[in-house]
Amino acid sequence: MQFNFDASTAPAPRAPREYGPLPAGNYTMIISSTAIKATKANTGEYLEAVCEVVEGDHAGRKHWERFNVSNPNKQAEDIAREALGDLCAALGLAVIDDTDQLCDQMFVARMEIDRKDPTRNRIVRYEKAGAAPAAPAAPATRPPARPAAPAGRAAAPARPWQA
């Protein structure tokens, strides 16, 4: 296949994006996906939640949160159950029977820089969206709208922030 391209007309390469930790603060987020995974030592399981910032200057940035739901260390399990309970309360969920129930609902994450690893963030509190101002404040940006569903297939329900 013939293809013509003149590299001299291409825009200059963009500067590489920095992916350091988010500044400490409150971020409006959603969980875009979840998975149950085996621990590195293969002695338990954790729930991995991919959280995504949906507003402000950092919209689109992701944070991976892990909840040790099955672990030989009882304290690790207790910490995970407390954090997961906090998340469920922020989402208005009393009981869940599928991790997908955590997805696509807005909440506010109080984010800090991890004390043990300053290159990472950690969520120290989950709150209901609208209960606390999201920081850093900036004009709201939204992820692109989903493309239309193919003919004969129902469109996926709109996500709350896409209304």
Protein backbone atom coordinates (compact mmCIF):
# COMPACT_ATOMS: atom_id res chain seq x y z
CA MET A 1 0.00 0.00 0.00
CA GLN A 2 1.38 3.38 -0.99
CA PHE A 3 1.67 5.96 1.76
CA ASN A 4 3.09 9.50 1.61
CA PHE A 5 4.31 11.29 4.71
CA ASP A 6 6.56 14.34 5.09
CA ALA A 7 8.14 14.29 8.56
CA SER A 8 9.20 17.94 8.19
CA THR A 9 5.53 18.95 8.47
CA ALA A 10 4.88 16.94 11.64
CA PRO A 11 4.50 18.84 14.92
CA ALA A 12 7.43 18.76 17.34
CA PRO A 13 7.31 15.88 19.83
CA ARG A 14 5.60 16.69 23.10
CA ALA A 15 7.59 16.74 26.30
CA PRO A 16 7.29 13.44 28.17
CA ARG A 17 4.53 13.43 30.77
CA GLU A 18 5.56 13.18 34.38
CA TYR A 19 3.80 10.43 36.33
CA GLY A 20 4.84 11.21 39.86
CA PRO A 21 2.37 11.07 42.72
CA LEU A 22 -0.63 13.38 42.78
CA PRO A 23 -0.32 16.31 45.18
CA ALA A 24 -1.95 15.62 48.54
CA GLY A 25 -5.60 16.71 48.51
CA ASN A 26 -9.16 15.67 47.75
CA TYR A 27 -9.95 14.23 44.32
CA THR A 28 -13.29 13.38 42.76
CA MET A 29 -12.83 9.88 41.36
CA ILE A 30 -14.57 6.82 40.02
CA ILE A 31 -13.47 3.20 40.03
CA SER A 32 -13.14 2.23 36.39
CA SER A 33 -12.39 -1.47 36.94
CA THR A 34 -11.86 -4.07 39.64
CA ALA A 35 -10.17 -7.46 39.83
CA ILE A 36 -9.44 -10.08 42.48
CA LYS A 37 -5.77 -11.05 42.28
CA ALA A 38 -3.46 -13.42 44.12
CA THR A 39 -0.89 -11.87 46.45
CA LYS A 40 2.75 -11.93 45.36
CA ALA A 41 3.47 -14.73 47.87
CA ASN A 42 0.34 -16.55 46.65
CA THR A 43 -0.90 -16.82 50.24
CA GLY A 44 -4.02 -14.71 49.82
CA GLU A 45 -5.98 -12.42 47.56
CA TYR A 46 -6.51 -8.71 47.16
CA LEU A 47 -9.16 -6.63 45.46
CA GLU A 48 -7.51 -4.22 43.04
CA ALA A 49 -9.55 -1.13 42.19
CA VAL A 50 -8.42 1.17 39.38
CA CYS A 51 -9.47 4.66 40.47
CA GLU A 52 -9.57 7.54 38.00
CA VAL A 53 -9.66 11.28 38.71
CA VAL A 54 -12.67 12.74 36.85
CA GLU A 55 -12.38 16.48 37.59
CA GLY A 56 -9.76 19.20 37.72
CA ASP A 57 -6.21 19.53 36.46
CA HIS A 58 -5.47 15.86 37.09
CA ALA A 59 -8.55 14.44 35.30
CA GLY A 60 -7.69 11.14 33.69
CA ARG A 61 -4.90 10.27 36.14
CA LYS A 62 -5.22 6.81 37.64
CA HIS A 63 -4.50 5.33 41.05
CA TRP A 64 -4.45 1.61 41.82
CA GLU A 65 -5.85 0.78 45.25
CA ARG A 66 -5.46 -2.66 46.81
CA PHE A 67 -7.59 -4.18 49.55
CA ASN A 68 -6.12 -7.34 51.17
CA VAL A 69 -9.36 -9.28 51.40
CA SER A 70 -7.72 -12.61 52.19
CA ASN A 71 -4.37 -12.54 53.91
CA PRO A 72 -2.60 -14.63 56.55
CA ASN A 73 -1.91 -11.35 58.37
CA LYS A 74 -5.15 -10.57 60.25
CA GLN A 75 -4.16 -6.92 60.68
CA ALA A 76 -3.76 -6.50 56.90
CA GLU A 77 -7.26 -7.94 56.43
CA ASP A 78 -8.71 -5.66 59.12
CA ILE A 79 -7.14 -2.57 57.52
CA ALA A 80 -8.52 -3.60 54.12
CA ARG A 81 -12.00 -4.30 55.51
CA GLU A 82 -12.05 -0.89 57.22
CA ALA A 83 -10.99 0.91 54.01
CA LEU A 84 -13.42 -1.09 51.87
CA GLY A 85 -16.22 -0.31 54.36
CA ASP A 86 -15.31 3.39 54.12
CA LEU A 87 -15.46 3.19 50.31
CA CYS A 88 -18.82 1.37 50.35
CA ALA A 89 -20.25 4.00 52.73
CA ALA A 90 -19.07 6.77 50.39
CA LEU A 91 -20.80 4.99 47.50
CA GLY A 92 -23.99 4.30 49.49
CA LEU A 93 -23.54 0.53 49.32
CA ALA A 94 -24.39 -1.56 52.37
CA VAL A 95 -23.67 -4.98 50.84
CA ILE A 96 -21.93 -5.95 47.61
CA ASP A 97 -21.92 -9.33 45.92
CA ASP A 98 -19.97 -8.33 42.81
CA THR A 99 -16.92 -6.05 42.66
CA ASP A 100 -18.41 -4.36 39.58
CA GLN A 101 -20.91 -2.69 41.93
CA LEU A 102 -18.03 -0.43 42.99
CA CYS A 103 -17.49 0.82 39.43
CA ASP A 104 -18.65 4.02 37.74
CA GLN A 105 -19.83 5.83 40.87
CA MET A 106 -18.25 9.10 41.96
CA PHE A 107 -16.62 9.55 45.35
CA VAL A 108 -14.05 11.86 46.86
CA ALA A 109 -10.69 10.37 47.80
CA ARG A 110 -8.56 12.11 50.39
CA MET A 111 -5.11 11.44 48.96
CA GLU A 112 -1.73 11.66 50.70
CA ILE A 113 1.82 10.94 49.67
CA ASP A 114 2.73 7.47 50.98
CA ARG A 115 5.06 7.82 53.99
CA LYS A 116 6.91 4.60 53.14
CA ASP A 117 7.30 5.40 49.43
CA PRO A 118 7.18 9.11 48.49
CA THR A 119 6.84 8.20 44.80
CA ARG A 120 3.34 6.81 45.47
CA ASN A 121 -0.02 8.00 46.76
CA ARG A 122 -2.33 6.40 49.27
CA ILE A 123 -6.00 7.05 49.89
CA VAL A 124 -6.61 7.76 53.57
CA ARG A 125 -10.35 8.48 53.41
CA TYR A 126 -13.29 7.95 51.07
CA GLU A 127 -16.18 10.42 51.16
CA LYS A 128 -19.46 10.87 49.31
CA ALA A 129 -19.13 13.00 46.19
CA GLY A 130 -20.36 16.48 47.02
CA ALA A 131 -19.60 16.04 50.75
CA ALA A 132 -16.22 17.76 50.47
CA PRO A 133 -14.79 20.18 47.92
CA ALA A 134 -12.50 18.48 45.43
CA ALA A 135 -8.98 19.91 45.47
CA PRO A 136 -7.07 21.13 43.67
CA ALA A 137 -9.87 23.26 42.27
CA ALA A 138 -9.92 23.67 38.50
CA PRO A 139 -12.45 23.74 35.69
CA ALA A 140 -14.17 20.39 35.42
CA THR A 141 -13.15 18.21 32.52
CA ARG A 142 -14.96 15.12 31.40
CA PRO A 143 -13.74 11.97 29.77
CA PRO A 144 -14.78 11.60 26.14
CA ALA A 145 -18.28 10.26 25.54
CA ARG A 146 -18.60 6.61 24.68
CA PRO A 147 -19.11 5.86 20.99
CA ALA A 148 -22.58 4.79 19.91
CA ALA A 149 -23.35 1.11 20.26
CA PRO A 150 -23.19 -0.98 17.08
CA ALA A 151 -26.51 -1.68 15.36
CA GLY A 152 -28.51 -4.36 17.18
CA ARG A 153 -26.70 -3.81 20.48
CA ALA A 154 -28.04 -1.72 23.36
CA ALA A 155 -25.98 1.29 24.39
CA ALA A 156 -24.24 1.09 27.77
CA PRO A 157 -25.85 3.26 30.44
CA ALA A 158 -24.34 6.73 30.80
CA ARG A 159 -21.93 7.21 33.65
CA PRO A 160 -22.99 9.75 36.31
CA TRP A 161 -20.39 12.37 35.35
CA GLN A 162 -21.40 12.16 31.65
CA ALA A 163 -24.93 13.45 32.28
